[in-house]
Amino acid sequence: MLWKKSLKSSKEVVTYDKENWKPVMRCSICNGEKVAGLKNIRTGEFRGGTLIKDEKDLKNFMKKYGVEEVIKEY
């Protein structure tokens, strides 16, 4: 039951300040790890680290934040 409840809440779109934050995916060149989140354009602060293991995780992240593209950073 608890698991099903969390699925419902993940379908809601999260709002964020689009003037100061942008969606990015940090990719490690050493081990290939990918983490998606929001980066502050002015300070460079990174928030909301979501581990991206496959294309499904990336699509869920994009749906959650209502974005169509995520910039990769290495």
C-alpha atoms as a PDB file:
ATOM      1  CA  MET A   1       0.000   0.000   0.000  1.00  0.00           C
ATOM      2  CA  LEU A   2       2.708   2.459   0.901  1.00  0.00           C
ATOM      3  CA  TRP A   3       4.465   1.836  -2.419  1.00  0.00           C
ATOM      4  CA  LYS A   4       1.318   2.476  -4.458  1.00  0.00           C
ATOM      5  CA  LYS A   5       0.744   5.725  -2.591  1.00  0.00           C
ATOM      6  CA  SER A   6       4.192   7.007  -3.559  1.00  0.00           C
ATOM      7  CA  LEU A   7       3.504   6.271  -7.227  1.00  0.00           C
ATOM      8  CA  LYS A   8       0.470   8.544  -7.205  1.00  0.00           C
ATOM      9  CA  SER A   9       2.407  11.428  -5.714  1.00  0.00           C
ATOM     10  CA  SER A  10       5.223  11.053  -8.275  1.00  0.00           C
ATOM     11  CA  LYS A  11       2.770  11.827 -11.108  1.00  0.00           C
ATOM     12  CA  GLU A  12       2.341  15.415  -9.946  1.00  0.00           C
ATOM     13  CA  VAL A  13       4.384  18.054 -11.777  1.00  0.00           C
ATOM     14  CA  VAL A  14       6.851  19.859  -9.536  1.00  0.00           C
ATOM     15  CA  THR A  15       7.053  23.605 -10.103  1.00  0.00           C
ATOM     16  CA  TYR A  16      10.317  25.502  -9.869  1.00  0.00           C
ATOM     17  CA  ASP A  17      11.660  28.983 -10.629  1.00  0.00           C
ATOM     18  CA  LYS A  18      12.491  28.697 -14.343  1.00  0.00           C
ATOM     19  CA  GLU A  19      14.272  32.053 -14.385  1.00  0.00           C
ATOM     20  CA  ASN A  20      16.918  30.951 -11.874  1.00  0.00           C
ATOM     21  CA  TRP A  21      16.974  27.133 -12.200  1.00  0.00           C
ATOM     22  CA  LYS A  22      17.478  24.823 -15.172  1.00  0.00           C
ATOM     23  CA  PRO A  23      17.216  21.023 -15.440  1.00  0.00           C
ATOM     24  CA  VAL A  24      20.585  19.310 -15.956  1.00  0.00           C
ATOM     25  CA  MET A  25      21.968  15.782 -15.889  1.00  0.00           C
ATOM     26  CA  ARG A  26      25.402  15.379 -14.358  1.00  0.00           C
ATOM     27  CA  CYS A  27      27.299  12.544 -16.021  1.00  0.00           C
ATOM     28  CA  SER A  28      30.485  11.087 -14.584  1.00  0.00           C
ATOM     29  CA  ILE A  29      33.202  10.299 -17.103  1.00  0.00           C
ATOM     30  CA  CYS A  30      34.873   7.940 -14.618  1.00  0.00           C
ATOM     31  CA  ASN A  31      32.092   5.482 -13.781  1.00  0.00           C
ATOM     32  CA  GLY A  32      29.221   6.511 -16.066  1.00  0.00           C
ATOM     33  CA  GLU A  33      26.896   7.506 -13.209  1.00  0.00           C
ATOM     34  CA  LYS A  34      24.121   9.927 -14.192  1.00  0.00           C
ATOM     35  CA  VAL A  35      22.239  12.174 -11.773  1.00  0.00           C
ATOM     36  CA  ALA A  36      19.477  14.548 -12.873  1.00  0.00           C
ATOM     37  CA  GLY A  37      18.417  17.617 -10.946  1.00  0.00           C
ATOM     38  CA  LEU A  38      18.086  21.386 -11.040  1.00  0.00           C
ATOM     39  CA  LYS A  39      21.026  23.782 -11.259  1.00  0.00           C
ATOM     40  CA  ASN A  40      20.911  27.414 -10.196  1.00  0.00           C
ATOM     41  CA  ILE A  41      21.959  29.523 -13.169  1.00  0.00           C
ATOM     42  CA  ARG A  42      23.475  32.258 -11.013  1.00  0.00           C
ATOM     43  CA  THR A  43      25.260  30.310  -8.243  1.00  0.00           C
ATOM     44  CA  GLY A  44      25.816  26.862  -9.780  1.00  0.00           C
ATOM     45  CA  GLU A  45      24.101  25.118  -6.853  1.00  0.00           C
ATOM     46  CA  PHE A  46      22.734  21.643  -7.744  1.00  0.00           C
ATOM     47  CA  ARG A  47      19.553  20.239  -6.128  1.00  0.00           C
ATOM     48  CA  GLY A  48      17.228  17.284  -6.437  1.00  0.00           C
ATOM     49  CA  GLY A  49      19.656  14.529  -7.317  1.00  0.00           C
ATOM     50  CA  THR A  50      17.722  11.698  -9.003  1.00  0.00           C
ATOM     51  CA  LEU A  51      19.799   8.701 -10.051  1.00  0.00           C
ATOM     52  CA  ILE A  52      19.254   7.891 -13.731  1.00  0.00           C
ATOM     53  CA  LYS A  53      19.801   4.190 -14.402  1.00  0.00           C
ATOM     54  CA  ASP A  54      17.960   3.923 -17.719  1.00  0.00           C
ATOM     55  CA  GLU A  55      15.773   5.835 -20.181  1.00  0.00           C
ATOM     56  CA  LYS A  56      12.669   5.207 -18.056  1.00  0.00           C
ATOM     57  CA  ASP A  57      14.199   7.054 -15.088  1.00  0.00           C
ATOM     58  CA  LEU A  58      15.044  10.010 -17.322  1.00  0.00           C
ATOM     59  CA  LYS A  59      11.523  10.130 -18.757  1.00  0.00           C
ATOM     60  CA  ASN A  60      10.059  10.036 -15.222  1.00  0.00           C
ATOM     61  CA  PHE A  61      12.319  12.937 -14.182  1.00  0.00           C
ATOM     62  CA  MET A  62      11.309  14.964 -17.236  1.00  0.00           C
ATOM     63  CA  LYS A  63       7.627  14.258 -16.625  1.00  0.00           C
ATOM     64  CA  LYS A  64       7.943  15.142 -12.925  1.00  0.00           C
ATOM     65  CA  TYR A  65       9.446  18.565 -13.678  1.00  0.00           C
ATOM     66  CA  GLY A  66       7.491  19.169 -16.903  1.00  0.00           C
ATOM     67  CA  VAL A  67      10.528  19.611 -19.152  1.00  0.00           C
ATOM     68  CA  GLU A  68      11.202  18.402 -22.674  1.00  0.00           C
ATOM     69  CA  GLU A  69      15.006  18.413 -22.630  1.00  0.00           C
ATOM     70  CA  VAL A  70      17.739  18.002 -20.040  1.00  0.00           C
ATOM     71  CA  ILE A  71      21.229  19.365 -20.642  1.00  0.00           C
ATOM     72  CA  LYS A  72      24.141  16.999 -19.925  1.00  0.00           C
ATOM     73  CA  GLU A  73      27.113  18.225 -17.898  1.00  0.00           C
ATOM     74  CA  TYR A  74      30.351  16.317 -17.472  1.00  0.00           C
END
